[in-house]
PDB file of N, CA and C in Angstrom:
ATOM      1  N   MET A   1      69.424  74.152 158.683  1.00  0.00           N
ATOM      2  CA  MET A   1      67.979  74.179 158.480  1.00  0.00           C
ATOM      3  C   MET A   1      67.223  73.688 159.725  1.00  0.00           C
ATOM      4  N   LEU A   2      67.686  72.576 160.301  1.00  0.00           N
ATOM      5  CA  LEU A   2      67.028  72.028 161.485  1.00  0.00           C
ATOM      6  C   LEU A   2      67.103  73.010 162.656  1.00  0.00           C
ATOM      7  N   LEU A   3      68.229  73.699 162.797  1.00  0.00           N
ATOM      8  CA  LEU A   3      68.399  74.677 163.864  1.00  0.00           C
ATOM      9  C   LEU A   3      67.406  75.833 163.718  1.00  0.00           C
ATOM     10  N   ARG A   4      67.189  76.280 162.484  1.00  0.00           N
ATOM     11  CA  ARG A   4      66.203  77.349 162.243  1.00  0.00           C
ATOM     12  C   ARG A   4      64.800  76.894 162.607  1.00  0.00           C
ATOM     13  N   LYS A   5      64.469  75.655 162.250  1.00  0.00           N
ATOM     14  CA  LYS A   5      63.139  75.121 162.549  1.00  0.00           C
ATOM     15  C   LYS A   5      62.934  75.030 164.058  1.00  0.00           C
ATOM     16  N   LYS A   6      63.960  74.571 164.789  1.00  0.00           N
ATOM     17  CA  LYS A   6      63.855  74.489 166.248  1.00  0.00           C
ATOM     18  C   LYS A   6      63.656  75.871 166.856  1.00  0.00           C
ATOM     19  N   LYS A   7      64.398  76.850 166.354  1.00  0.00           N
ATOM     20  CA  LYS A   7      64.278  78.214 166.867  1.00  0.00           C
ATOM     21  C   LYS A   7      62.881  78.762 166.589  1.00  0.00           C
ATOM     22  N   ALA A   8      62.361  78.520 165.385  1.00  0.00           N
ATOM     23  CA  ALA A   8      61.013  78.984 165.035  1.00  0.00           C
ATOM     24  C   ALA A   8      59.970  78.309 165.919  1.00  0.00           C
ATOM     25  N   THR A   9      60.138  77.008 166.174  1.00  0.00           N
ATOM     26  CA  THR A   9      59.208  76.282 167.039  1.00  0.00           C
ATOM     27  C   THR A   9      59.251  76.841 168.452  1.00  0.00           C
ATOM     28  N   ARG A  10      60.449  77.129 168.952  1.00  0.00           N
ATOM     29  CA  ARG A  10      60.598  77.687 170.291  1.00  0.00           C
ATOM     30  C   ARG A  10      59.933  79.062 170.373  1.00  0.00           C
ATOM     31  N   LEU A  11      60.124  79.883 169.344  1.00  0.00           N
ATOM     32  CA  LEU A  11      59.498  81.217 169.341  1.00  0.00           C
ATOM     33  C   LEU A  11      57.979  81.110 169.318  1.00  0.00           C
ATOM     34  N   THR A  12      57.458  80.167 168.530  1.00  0.00           N
ATOM     35  CA  THR A  12      56.007  79.944 168.487  1.00  0.00           C
ATOM     36  C   THR A  12      55.505  79.539 169.862  1.00  0.00           C
ATOM     37  N   GLY A  13      56.229  78.632 170.516  1.00  0.00           N
ATOM     38  CA  GLY A  13      55.843  78.190 171.855  1.00  0.00           C
ATOM     39  C   GLY A  13      55.858  79.320 172.867  1.00  0.00           C
ATOM     40  N   CYS A  14      56.894  80.132 172.835  1.00  0.00           N
ATOM     41  CA  CYS A  14      56.986  81.280 173.759  1.00  0.00           C
ATOM     42  C   CYS A  14      55.859  82.279 173.526  1.00  0.00           C
ATOM     43  N   PHE A  15      55.543  82.519 172.250  1.00  0.00           N
ATOM     44  CA  PHE A  15      54.449  83.424 171.915  1.00  0.00           C
ATOM     45  C   PHE A  15      53.131  82.865 172.450  1.00  0.00           C
ATOM     46  N   GLY A  16      52.917  81.569 172.253  1.00  0.00           N
ATOM     47  CA  GLY A  16      51.699  80.928 172.747  1.00  0.00           C
ATOM     48  C   GLY A  16      51.592  80.998 174.260  1.00  0.00           C
ATOM     49  N   GLU A  17      52.701  80.778 174.959  1.00  0.00           N
ATOM     50  CA  GLU A  17      52.676  80.856 176.423  1.00  0.00           C
ATOM     51  C   GLU A  17      52.352  82.270 176.891  1.00  0.00           C
ATOM     52  N   ALA A  18      52.882  83.264 176.212  1.00  0.00           N
ATOM     53  CA  ALA A  18      52.565  84.657 176.567  1.00  0.00           C
ATOM     54  C   ALA A  18      51.077  84.936 176.352  1.00  0.00           C
ATOM     55  N   LEU A  19      50.523  84.428 175.249  1.00  0.00           N
ATOM     56  CA  LEU A  19      49.079  84.588 175.016  1.00  0.00           C
ATOM     57  C   LEU A  19      48.273  83.888 176.103  1.00  0.00           C
ATOM     58  N   ALA A  20      48.724  82.704 176.527  1.00  0.00           N
ATOM     59  CA  ALA A  20      48.014  81.945 177.558  1.00  0.00           C
ATOM     60  C   ALA A  20      48.044  82.678 178.899  1.00  0.00           C
ATOM     61  N   VAL A  21      49.183  83.258 179.248  1.00  0.00           N
ATOM     62  CA  VAL A  21      49.279  84.033 180.502  1.00  0.00           C
ATOM     63  C   VAL A  21      48.299  85.196 180.449  1.00  0.00           C
ATOM     64  N   GLU A  22      48.276  85.895 179.339  1.00  0.00           N
ATOM     65  CA  GLU A  22      47.338  87.022 179.174  1.00  0.00           C
ATOM     66  C   GLU A  22      45.887  86.537 179.270  1.00  0.00           C
ATOM     67  N   PHE A  23      45.579  85.430 178.614  1.00  0.00           N
ATOM     68  CA  PHE A  23      44.248  84.830 178.620  1.00  0.00           C
ATOM     69  C   PHE A  23      43.813  84.503 180.058  1.00  0.00           C
ATOM     70  N   LEU A  24      44.693  83.837 180.803  1.00  0.00           N
ATOM     71  CA  LEU A  24      44.358  83.458 182.180  1.00  0.00           C
ATOM     72  C   LEU A  24      44.228  84.678 183.086  1.00  0.00           C
ATOM     73  N   THR A  25      45.105  85.630 182.916  1.00  0.00           N
ATOM     74  CA  THR A  25      45.066  86.847 183.729  1.00  0.00           C
ATOM     75  C   THR A  25      43.749  87.599 183.521  1.00  0.00           C
ATOM     76  N   ARG A  26      43.301  87.667 182.274  1.00  0.00           N
ATOM     77  CA  ARG A  26      42.015  88.333 181.985  1.00  0.00           C
ATOM     78  C   ARG A  26      40.856  87.609 182.664  1.00  0.00           C
ATOM     79  N   ARG A  27      41.030  86.332 182.934  1.00  0.00           N
ATOM     80  CA  ARG A  27      39.987  85.547 183.603  1.00  0.00           C
ATOM     81  C   ARG A  27      40.226  85.453 185.105  1.00  0.00           C
ATOM     82  N   ARG A  28      41.037  86.340 185.623  1.00  0.00           N
ATOM     83  CA  ARG A  28      41.302  86.504 187.050  1.00  0.00           C
ATOM     84  C   ARG A  28      42.074  85.348 187.697  1.00  0.00           C
ATOM     85  N   TYR A  29      42.819  84.616 186.914  1.00  0.00           N
ATOM     86  CA  TYR A  29      43.750  83.640 187.484  1.00  0.00           C
ATOM     87  C   TYR A  29      44.956  84.422 187.996  1.00  0.00           C
ATOM     88  N   ALA A  30      45.528  83.964 189.089  1.00  0.00           N
ATOM     89  CA  ALA A  30      46.763  84.559 189.609  1.00  0.00           C
ATOM     90  C   ALA A  30      47.919  83.677 189.126  1.00  0.00           C
ATOM     91  N   ILE A  31      48.808  84.250 188.354  1.00  0.00           N
ATOM     92  CA  ILE A  31      49.944  83.501 187.835  1.00  0.00           C
ATOM     93  C   ILE A  31      50.966  83.342 188.957  1.00  0.00           C
ATOM     94  N   VAL A  32      51.339  82.095 189.245  1.00  0.00           N
ATOM     95  CA  VAL A  32      52.277  81.787 190.323  1.00  0.00           C
ATOM     96  C   VAL A  32      53.683  81.556 189.756  1.00  0.00           C
ATOM     97  N   GLU A  33      53.770  80.769 188.701  1.00  0.00           N
ATOM     98  CA  GLU A  33      55.055  80.441 188.070  1.00  0.00           C
ATOM     99  C   GLU A  33      54.838  80.308 186.569  1.00  0.00           C
ATOM    100  N   VAL A  34      55.870  80.633 185.823  1.00  0.00           N
ATOM    101  CA  VAL A  34      55.878  80.398 184.377  1.00  0.00           C
ATOM    102  C   VAL A  34      57.144  79.608 184.078  1.00  0.00           C
ATOM    103  N   ASN A  35      56.987  78.555 183.285  1.00  0.00           N
ATOM    104  CA  ASN A  35      58.108  77.685 182.912  1.00  0.00           C
ATOM    105  C   ASN A  35      58.822  77.123 184.143  1.00  0.00           C
ATOM    106  N   TYR A  36      58.063  76.448 184.975  1.00  0.00           N
ATOM    107  CA  TYR A  36      58.625  75.787 186.160  1.00  0.00           C
ATOM    108  C   TYR A  36      59.366  74.543 185.686  1.00  0.00           C
ATOM    109  N   ARG A  37      60.694  74.554 185.808  1.00  0.00           N
ATOM    110  CA  ARG A  37      61.544  73.507 185.240  1.00  0.00           C
ATOM    111  C   ARG A  37      62.115  72.570 186.297  1.00  0.00           C
ATOM    112  N   LYS A  38      62.183  71.311 185.900  1.00  0.00           N
ATOM    113  CA  LYS A  38      62.871  70.264 186.634  1.00  0.00           C
ATOM    114  C   LYS A  38      63.730  69.533 185.608  1.00  0.00           C
ATOM    115  N   PRO A  39      64.690  68.736 186.048  1.00  0.00           N
ATOM    116  CA  PRO A  39      65.546  68.036 185.074  1.00  0.00           C
ATOM    117  C   PRO A  39      64.758  67.131 184.106  1.00  0.00           C
ATOM    118  N   TYR A  40      63.596  66.675 184.518  1.00  0.00           N
ATOM    119  CA  TYR A  40      62.813  65.742 183.716  1.00  0.00           C
ATOM    120  C   TYR A  40      61.642  66.398 182.988  1.00  0.00           C
ATOM    121  N   GLY A  41      61.587  67.726 182.964  1.00  0.00           N
ATOM    122  CA  GLY A  41      60.532  68.404 182.212  1.00  0.00           C
ATOM    123  C   GLY A  41      60.144  69.731 182.830  1.00  0.00           C
ATOM    124  N   GLU A  42      59.066  70.288 182.312  1.00  0.00           N
ATOM    125  CA  GLU A  42      58.587  71.571 182.833  1.00  0.00           C
ATOM    126  C   GLU A  42      57.072  71.646 182.745  1.00  0.00           C
ATOM    127  N   VAL A  43      56.533  72.537 183.564  1.00  0.00           N
ATOM    128  CA  VAL A  43      55.127  72.913 183.487  1.00  0.00           C
ATOM    129  C   VAL A  43      55.118  74.340 182.968  1.00  0.00           C
ATOM    130  N   ASP A  44      54.322  74.587 181.936  1.00  0.00           N
ATOM    131  CA  ASP A  44      54.331  75.909 181.300  1.00  0.00           C
ATOM    132  C   ASP A  44      53.865  77.010 182.241  1.00  0.00           C
ATOM    133  N   ILE A  45      52.733  76.778 182.909  1.00  0.00           N
ATOM    134  CA  ILE A  45      52.166  77.809 183.796  1.00  0.00           C
ATOM    135  C   ILE A  45      51.605  77.131 185.036  1.00  0.00           C
ATOM    136  N   ILE A  46      51.880  77.711 186.187  1.00  0.00           N
ATOM    137  CA  ILE A  46      51.208  77.321 187.432  1.00  0.00           C
ATOM    138  C   ILE A  46      50.452  78.561 187.871  1.00  0.00           C
ATOM    139  N   ALA A  47      49.156  78.387 188.098  1.00  0.00           N
ATOM    140  CA  ALA A  47      48.309  79.543 188.437  1.00  0.00           C
ATOM    141  C   ALA A  47      47.305  79.144 189.511  1.00  0.00           C
ATOM    142  N   ARG A  48      46.705  80.154 190.096  1.00  0.00           N
ATOM    143  CA  ARG A  48      45.628  79.911 191.062  1.00  0.00           C
ATOM    144  C   ARG A  48      44.304  80.376 190.453  1.00  0.00           C
ATOM    145  N   ASP A  49      43.341  79.483 190.549  1.00  0.00           N
ATOM    146  CA  ASP A  49      41.971  79.782 190.165  1.00  0.00           C
ATOM    147  C   ASP A  49      41.177  79.704 191.456  1.00  0.00           C
ATOM    148  N   GLY A  50      41.099  80.815 192.158  1.00  0.00           N
ATOM    149  CA  GLY A  50      40.512  80.799 193.505  1.00  0.00           C
ATOM    150  C   GLY A  50      41.424  79.998 194.419  1.00  0.00           C
ATOM    151  N   ASP A  51      40.874  78.960 195.054  1.00  0.00           N
ATOM    152  CA  ASP A  51      41.646  78.123 195.974  1.00  0.00           C
ATOM    153  C   ASP A  51      42.334  76.953 195.273  1.00  0.00           C
ATOM    154  N   ILE A  52      42.145  76.816 193.983  1.00  0.00           N
ATOM    155  CA  ILE A  52      42.690  75.671 193.247  1.00  0.00           C
ATOM    156  C   ILE A  52      43.997  76.055 192.572  1.00  0.00           C
ATOM    157  N   LEU A  53      45.005  75.216 192.764  1.00  0.00           N
ATOM    158  CA  LEU A  53      46.272  75.393 192.072  1.00  0.00           C
ATOM    159  C   LEU A  53      46.165  74.672 190.732  1.00  0.00           C
ATOM    160  N   VAL A  54      46.449  75.382 189.659  1.00  0.00           N
ATOM    161  CA  VAL A  54      46.246  74.847 188.311  1.00  0.00           C
ATOM    162  C   VAL A  54      47.590  74.722 187.597  1.00  0.00           C
ATOM    163  N   PHE A  55      47.866  73.513 187.115  1.00  0.00           N
ATOM    164  CA  PHE A  55      49.056  73.243 186.320  1.00  0.00           C
ATOM    165  C   PHE A  55      48.611  73.238 184.869  1.00  0.00           C
ATOM    166  N   VAL A  56      49.144  74.180 184.090  1.00  0.00           N
ATOM    167  CA  VAL A  56      48.647  74.412 182.728  1.00  0.00           C
ATOM    168  C   VAL A  56      49.709  74.036 181.702  1.00  0.00           C
ATOM    169  N   GLU A  57      49.317  73.195 180.771  1.00  0.00           N
ATOM    170  CA  GLU A  57      50.154  72.874 179.617  1.00  0.00           C
ATOM    171  C   GLU A  57      49.634  73.684 178.444  1.00  0.00           C
ATOM    172  N   VAL A  58      50.522  74.388 177.760  1.00  0.00           N
ATOM    173  CA  VAL A  58      50.148  75.215 176.615  1.00  0.00           C
ATOM    174  C   VAL A  58      50.717  74.583 175.356  1.00  0.00           C
ATOM    175  N   LYS A  59      49.869  74.388 174.373  1.00  0.00           N
ATOM    176  CA  LYS A  59      50.307  73.862 173.083  1.00  0.00           C
ATOM    177  C   LYS A  59      49.875  74.833 171.998  1.00  0.00           C
ATOM    178  N   THR A  60      50.836  75.270 171.210  1.00  0.00           N
ATOM    179  CA  THR A  60      50.573  76.239 170.146  1.00  0.00           C
ATOM    180  C   THR A  60      50.911  75.607 168.815  1.00  0.00           C
ATOM    181  N   ARG A  61      50.029  75.773 167.856  1.00  0.00           N
ATOM    182  CA  ARG A  61      50.240  75.202 166.525  1.00  0.00           C
ATOM    183  C   ARG A  61      49.919  76.242 165.460  1.00  0.00           C
ATOM    184  N   LYS A  62      50.719  76.216 164.389  1.00  0.00           N
ATOM    185  CA  LYS A  62      50.451  77.053 163.221  1.00  0.00           C
ATOM    186  C   LYS A  62      49.655  76.284 162.177  1.00  0.00           C
ATOM    187  N   SER A  63      49.663  74.956 162.287  1.00  0.00           N
ATOM    188  CA  SER A  63      48.891  74.124 161.359  1.00  0.00           C
ATOM    189  C   SER A  63      48.512  72.843 162.085  1.00  0.00           C
ATOM    190  N   SER A  64      47.669  72.058 161.467  1.00  0.00           N
ATOM    191  CA  SER A  64      47.274  70.778 162.067  1.00  0.00           C
ATOM    192  C   SER A  64      48.067  69.619 161.475  1.00  0.00           C
ATOM    193  N   GLY A  65      49.160  69.927 160.786  1.00  0.00           N
ATOM    194  CA  GLY A  65      49.986  68.904 160.156  1.00  0.00           C
ATOM    195  C   GLY A  65      50.527  67.870 161.126  1.00  0.00           C
ATOM    196  N   PHE A  66      50.740  68.271 162.364  1.00  0.00           N
ATOM    197  CA  PHE A  66      51.224  67.345 163.388  1.00  0.00           C
ATOM    198  C   PHE A  66      50.126  67.004 164.383  1.00  0.00           C
ATOM    199  N   GLY A  67      48.881  67.185 163.998  1.00  0.00           N
ATOM    200  CA  GLY A  67      47.758  66.908 164.883  1.00  0.00           C
ATOM    201  C   GLY A  67      47.328  68.168 165.612  1.00  0.00           C
ATOM    202  N   THR A  68      46.268  68.027 166.368  1.00  0.00           N
ATOM    203  CA  THR A  68      45.749  69.168 167.117  1.00  0.00           C
ATOM    204  C   THR A  68      46.633  69.416 168.338  1.00  0.00           C
ATOM    205  N   PRO A  69      46.575  70.612 168.891  1.00  0.00           N
ATOM    206  CA  PRO A  69      47.354  70.878 170.107  1.00  0.00           C
ATOM    207  C   PRO A  69      46.995  69.924 171.250  1.00  0.00           C
ATOM    208  N   PHE A  70      45.711  69.580 171.375  1.00  0.00           N
ATOM    209  CA  PHE A  70      45.294  68.701 172.464  1.00  0.00           C
ATOM    210  C   PHE A  70      45.884  67.299 172.311  1.00  0.00           C
ATOM    211  N   GLU A  71      46.022  66.832 171.076  1.00  0.00           N
ATOM    212  CA  GLU A  71      46.592  65.506 170.839  1.00  0.00           C
ATOM    213  C   GLU A  71      48.050  65.421 171.297  1.00  0.00           C
ATOM    214  N   ALA A  72      48.726  66.547 171.359  1.00  0.00           N
ATOM    215  CA  ALA A  72      50.130  66.565 171.767  1.00  0.00           C
ATOM    216  C   ALA A  72      50.302  66.312 173.268  1.00  0.00           C
ATOM    217  N   VAL A  73      49.227  66.435 174.022  1.00  0.00           N
ATOM    218  CA  VAL A  73      49.298  66.177 175.463  1.00  0.00           C
ATOM    219  C   VAL A  73      48.898  64.714 175.680  1.00  0.00           C
ATOM    220  N   ASP A  74      49.813  63.847 175.264  1.00  0.00           N
ATOM    221  CA  ASP A  74      49.562  62.404 175.330  1.00  0.00           C
ATOM    222  C   ASP A  74      49.851  61.866 176.731  1.00  0.00           C
ATOM    223  N   SER A  75      49.725  60.550 176.895  1.00  0.00           N
ATOM    224  CA  SER A  75      49.893  59.950 178.226  1.00  0.00           C
ATOM    225  C   SER A  75      51.300  60.171 178.774  1.00  0.00           C
ATOM    226  N   ARG A  76      52.308  60.169 177.914  1.00  0.00           N
ATOM    227  CA  ARG A  76      53.687  60.431 178.373  1.00  0.00           C
ATOM    228  C   ARG A  76      53.785  61.844 178.946  1.00  0.00           C
ATOM    229  N   LYS A  77      53.237  62.807 178.227  1.00  0.00           N
ATOM    230  CA  LYS A  77      53.277  64.205 178.675  1.00  0.00           C
ATOM    231  C   LYS A  77      52.466  64.382 179.960  1.00  0.00           C
ATOM    232  N   GLN A  78      51.321  63.709 180.058  1.00  0.00           N
ATOM    233  CA  GLN A  78      50.504  63.783 181.266  1.00  0.00           C
ATOM    234  C   GLN A  78      51.256  63.233 182.477  1.00  0.00           C
ATOM    235  N   ARG A  79      51.979  62.121 182.304  1.00  0.00           N
ATOM    236  CA  ARG A  79      52.781  61.563 183.406  1.00  0.00           C
ATOM    237  C   ARG A  79      53.875  62.537 183.821  1.00  0.00           C
ATOM    238  N   GLN A  80      54.523  63.141 182.834  1.00  0.00           N
ATOM    239  CA  GLN A  80      55.599  64.088 183.120  1.00  0.00           C
ATOM    240  C   GLN A  80      55.074  65.290 183.916  1.00  0.00           C
ATOM    241  N   ILE A  81      53.969  65.858 183.470  1.00  0.00           N
ATOM    242  CA  ILE A  81      53.376  67.012 184.162  1.00  0.00           C
ATOM    243  C   ILE A  81      52.911  66.610 185.562  1.00  0.00           C
ATOM    244  N   SER A  82      52.315  65.441 185.679  1.00  0.00           N
ATOM    245  CA  SER A  82      51.855  64.948 186.982  1.00  0.00           C
ATOM    246  C   SER A  82      53.020  64.811 187.959  1.00  0.00           C
ATOM    247  N   ARG A  83      54.125  64.276 187.487  1.00  0.00           N
ATOM    248  CA  ARG A  83      55.313  64.093 188.337  1.00  0.00           C
ATOM    249  C   ARG A  83      55.841  65.451 188.822  1.00  0.00           C
ATOM    250  N   ILE A  84      55.903  66.396 187.916  1.00  0.00           N
ATOM    251  CA  ILE A  84      56.385  67.732 188.284  1.00  0.00           C
ATOM    252  C   ILE A  84      55.411  68.395 189.265  1.00  0.00           C
ATOM    253  N   ALA A  85      54.117  68.227 189.033  1.00  0.00           N
ATOM    254  CA  ALA A  85      53.110  68.802 189.928  1.00  0.00           C
ATOM    255  C   ALA A  85      53.236  68.210 191.332  1.00  0.00           C
ATOM    256  N   GLN A  86      53.399  66.894 191.409  1.00  0.00           N
ATOM    257  CA  GLN A  86      53.564  66.239 192.712  1.00  0.00           C
ATOM    258  C   GLN A  86      54.780  66.799 193.442  1.00  0.00           C
ATOM    259  N   GLU A  87      55.881  66.952 192.730  1.00  0.00           N
ATOM    260  CA  GLU A  87      57.103  67.494 193.312  1.00  0.00           C
ATOM    261  C   GLU A  87      56.877  68.930 193.779  1.00  0.00           C
ATOM    262  N   TYR A  88      56.180  69.715 192.959  1.00  0.00           N
ATOM    263  CA  TYR A  88      55.917  71.116 193.304  1.00  0.00           C
ATOM    264  C   TYR A  88      55.084  71.199 194.580  1.00  0.00           C
ATOM    265  N   LEU A  89      53.998  70.433 194.630  1.00  0.00           N
ATOM    266  CA  LEU A  89      53.122  70.457 195.798  1.00  0.00           C
ATOM    267  C   LEU A  89      53.881  70.044 197.058  1.00  0.00           C
ATOM    268  N   GLN A  90      54.696  69.002 196.931  1.00  0.00           N
ATOM    269  CA  GLN A  90      55.451  68.523 198.090  1.00  0.00           C
ATOM    270  C   GLN A  90      56.509  69.537 198.534  1.00  0.00           C
ATOM    271  N   SER A  91      57.276  70.054 197.591  1.00  0.00           N
ATOM    272  CA  SER A  91      58.369  70.959 197.952  1.00  0.00           C
ATOM    273  C   SER A  91      57.872  72.312 198.470  1.00  0.00           C
ATOM    274  N   HIS A  92      56.640  72.669 198.141  1.00  0.00           N
ATOM    275  CA  HIS A  92      56.076  73.944 198.599  1.00  0.00           C
ATOM    276  C   HIS A  92      55.093  73.773 199.760  1.00  0.00           C
ATOM    277  N   GLY A  93      55.033  72.559 200.329  1.00  0.00           N
ATOM    278  CA  GLY A  93      54.151  72.309 201.467  1.00  0.00           C
ATOM    279  C   GLY A  93      52.678  72.481 201.131  1.00  0.00           C
ATOM    280  N   LEU A  94      52.301  72.076 199.923  1.00  0.00           N
ATOM    281  CA  LEU A  94      50.923  72.288 199.454  1.00  0.00           C
ATOM    282  C   LEU A  94      50.173  70.974 199.189  1.00  0.00           C
ATOM    283  N   LEU A  95      50.568  69.901 199.841  1.00  0.00           N
ATOM    284  CA  LEU A  95      49.949  68.597 199.565  1.00  0.00           C
ATOM    285  C   LEU A  95      48.455  68.573 199.869  1.00  0.00           C
ATOM    286  N   GLU A  96      47.979  69.453 200.723  1.00  0.00           N
ATOM    287  CA  GLU A  96      46.550  69.502 201.044  1.00  0.00           C
ATOM    288  C   GLU A  96      45.773  70.443 200.118  1.00  0.00           C
ATOM    289  N   THR A  97      46.467  71.079 199.201  1.00  0.00           N
ATOM    290  CA  THR A  97      45.850  72.041 198.290  1.00  0.00           C
ATOM    291  C   THR A  97      45.151  71.330 197.138  1.00  0.00           C
ATOM    292  N   SER A  98      43.962  71.786 196.782  1.00  0.00           N
ATOM    293  CA  SER A  98      43.272  71.248 195.614  1.00  0.00           C
ATOM    294  C   SER A  98      44.022  71.678 194.361  1.00  0.00           C
ATOM    295  N   ALA A  99      44.168  70.746 193.435  1.00  0.00           N
ATOM    296  CA  ALA A  99      44.898  71.049 192.203  1.00  0.00           C
ATOM    297  C   ALA A  99      44.202  70.393 191.024  1.00  0.00           C
ATOM    298  N   ARG A 100      44.479  70.931 189.841  1.00  0.00           N
ATOM    299  CA  ARG A 100      43.940  70.332 188.621  1.00  0.00           C
ATOM    300  C   ARG A 100      44.914  70.586 187.480  1.00  0.00           C
ATOM    301  N   PHE A 101      44.666  69.883 186.380  1.00  0.00           N
ATOM    302  CA  PHE A 101      45.495  70.004 185.191  1.00  0.00           C
ATOM    303  C   PHE A 101      44.648  70.540 184.042  1.00  0.00           C
ATOM    304  N   ASP A 102      45.060  71.663 183.496  1.00  0.00           N
ATOM    305  CA  ASP A 102      44.368  72.276 182.367  1.00  0.00           C
ATOM    306  C   ASP A 102      45.277  72.239 181.143  1.00  0.00           C
ATOM    307  N   VAL A 103      44.655  72.291 179.982  1.00  0.00           N
ATOM    308  CA  VAL A 103      45.392  72.429 178.734  1.00  0.00           C
ATOM    309  C   VAL A 103      44.831  73.629 177.985  1.00  0.00           C
ATOM    310  N   ILE A 104      45.734  74.471 177.506  1.00  0.00           N
ATOM    311  CA  ILE A 104      45.338  75.588 176.648  1.00  0.00           C
ATOM    312  C   ILE A 104      45.930  75.319 175.273  1.00  0.00           C
ATOM    313  N   ALA A 105      45.056  75.255 174.290  1.00  0.00           N
ATOM    314  CA  ALA A 105      45.472  75.036 172.906  1.00  0.00           C
ATOM    315  C   ALA A 105      45.328  76.344 172.147  1.00  0.00           C
ATOM    316  N   ILE A 106      46.387  76.707 171.451  1.00  0.00           N
ATOM    317  CA  ILE A 106      46.378  77.956 170.693  1.00  0.00           C
ATOM    318  C   ILE A 106      46.675  77.644 169.242  1.00  0.00           C
ATOM    319  N   ARG A 107      45.785  78.109 168.375  1.00  0.00           N
ATOM    320  CA  ARG A 107      45.984  77.932 166.931  1.00  0.00           C
ATOM    321  C   ARG A 107      46.250  79.293 166.305  1.00  0.00           C
ATOM    322  N   LEU A 108      47.365  79.356 165.602  1.00  0.00           N
ATOM    323  CA  LEU A 108      47.751  80.577 164.895  1.00  0.00           C
ATOM    324  C   LEU A 108      47.547  80.333 163.412  1.00  0.00           C
ATOM    325  N   ASP A 109      46.873  81.255 162.753  1.00  0.00           N
ATOM    326  CA  ASP A 109      46.580  81.085 161.332  1.00  0.00           C
ATOM    327  C   ASP A 109      46.858  82.391 160.597  1.00  0.00           C
ATOM    328  N   GLY A 110      48.119  82.578 160.246  1.00  0.00           N
ATOM    329  CA  GLY A 110      48.503  83.762 159.479  1.00  0.00           C
ATOM    330  C   GLY A 110      48.143  85.051 160.169  1.00  0.00           C
ATOM    331  N   ASP A 111      47.387  85.894 159.467  1.00  0.00           N
ATOM    332  CA  ASP A 111      47.024  87.211 159.983  1.00  0.00           C
ATOM    333  C   ASP A 111      45.757  87.190 160.831  1.00  0.00           C
ATOM    334  N   GLN A 112      45.136  86.031 160.956  1.00  0.00           N
ATOM    335  CA  GLN A 112      43.916  85.914 161.750  1.00  0.00           C
ATOM    336  C   GLN A 112      44.250  85.982 163.240  1.00  0.00           C
ATOM    337  N   PRO A 113      43.297  86.434 164.056  1.00  0.00           N
ATOM    338  CA  PRO A 113      43.542  86.427 165.506  1.00  0.00           C
ATOM    339  C   PRO A 113      43.745  84.987 166.000  1.00  0.00           C
ATOM    340  N   ALA A 114      44.546  84.829 167.023  1.00  0.00           N
ATOM    341  CA  ALA A 114      44.780  83.506 167.603  1.00  0.00           C
ATOM    342  C   ALA A 114      43.465  82.938 168.135  1.00  0.00           C
ATOM    343  N   VAL A 115      43.299  81.637 167.980  1.00  0.00           N
ATOM    344  CA  VAL A 115      42.137  80.935 168.531  1.00  0.00           C
ATOM    345  C   VAL A 115      42.632  80.196 169.770  1.00  0.00           C
ATOM    346  N   ILE A 116      42.032  80.504 170.915  1.00  0.00           N
ATOM    347  CA  ILE A 116      42.465  79.925 172.184  1.00  0.00           C
ATOM    348  C   ILE A 116      41.338  79.072 172.750  1.00  0.00           C
ATOM    349  N   ASP A 117      41.656  77.799 172.991  1.00  0.00           N
ATOM    350  CA  ASP A 117      40.716  76.872 173.623  1.00  0.00           C
ATOM    351  C   ASP A 117      41.302  76.455 174.962  1.00  0.00           C
ATOM    352  N   HIS A 118      40.474  76.482 175.987  1.00  0.00           N
ATOM    353  CA  HIS A 118      40.928  76.155 177.346  1.00  0.00           C
ATOM    354  C   HIS A 118      40.096  74.994 177.858  1.00  0.00           C
ATOM    355  N   ILE A 119      40.771  73.880 178.151  1.00  0.00           N
ATOM    356  CA  ILE A 119      40.073  72.743 178.751  1.00  0.00           C
ATOM    357  C   ILE A 119      40.487  72.673 180.218  1.00  0.00           C
ATOM    358  N   LYS A 120      39.529  72.939 181.087  1.00  0.00           N
ATOM    359  CA  LYS A 120      39.770  72.820 182.518  1.00  0.00           C
ATOM    360  C   LYS A 120      39.697  71.343 182.898  1.00  0.00           C
ATOM    361  N   ASN A 121      40.542  70.957 183.854  1.00  0.00           N
ATOM    362  CA  ASN A 121      40.549  69.579 184.333  1.00  0.00           C
ATOM    363  C   ASN A 121      40.674  68.591 183.170  1.00  0.00           C
ATOM    364  N   ALA A 122      41.644  68.862 182.290  1.00  0.00           N
ATOM    365  CA  ALA A 122      41.812  68.103 181.041  1.00  0.00           C
ATOM    366  C   ALA A 122      42.211  66.651 181.272  1.00  0.00           C
ATOM    367  N   PHE A 123      42.905  66.395 182.379  1.00  0.00           N
ATOM    368  CA  PHE A 123      43.293  65.015 182.698  1.00  0.00           C
ATOM    369  C   PHE A 123      43.531  64.898 184.191  1.00  0.00           C
ATOM    370  N   ASP A 124      43.515  63.650 184.664  1.00  0.00           N
ATOM    371  CA  ASP A 124      43.768  63.372 186.074  1.00  0.00           C
ATOM    372  C   ASP A 124      45.252  63.117 186.285  1.00  0.00           C
ATOM    373  N   CYS A 125      45.691  63.204 187.513  1.00  0.00           N
ATOM    374  CA  CYS A 125      47.085  62.940 187.845  1.00  0.00           C
ATOM    375  C   CYS A 125      47.429  61.511 187.426  1.00  0.00           C
ATOM    376  N   VAL A 126      48.508  61.364 186.687  1.00  0.00           N
ATOM    377  CA  VAL A 126      48.939  60.065 186.180  1.00  0.00           C
ATOM    378  C   VAL A 126      50.361  59.831 186.676  1.00  0.00           C
ATOM    379  N   LEU A 127      50.532  58.831 187.528  1.00  0.00           N
ATOM    380  CA  LEU A 127      51.882  58.546 188.037  1.00  0.00           C
ATOM    381  C   LEU A 127      52.357  57.197 187.580  1.00  0.00           C
TER     382      LEU A 127
END
């Protein structure tokens, strides 16, 4: 049972990330990386919004039983994303590049269209 729930959660997350990529692309963001992984975590989407490099966390929920998608991006998650972003900027020679952290929250409600909320500059770098 637990394995099925994990698989369903993973599928929901993948679906949400695909919706987020489509959402950003329609708004003329250039997608640079999807699921940029390090041993200590991942960033869902790295994109360019003009000259700004954007590290995007995507949270998808089918219900509010575990809180809102935005609540899931807590201080621990912000530190993890910040650490990965710092590593990315350094390893790609982009330390002088302007960057920000966005959160995209996606709510799925049965047969209704997905509701997508995008918070630009949702948090500051936390190390």
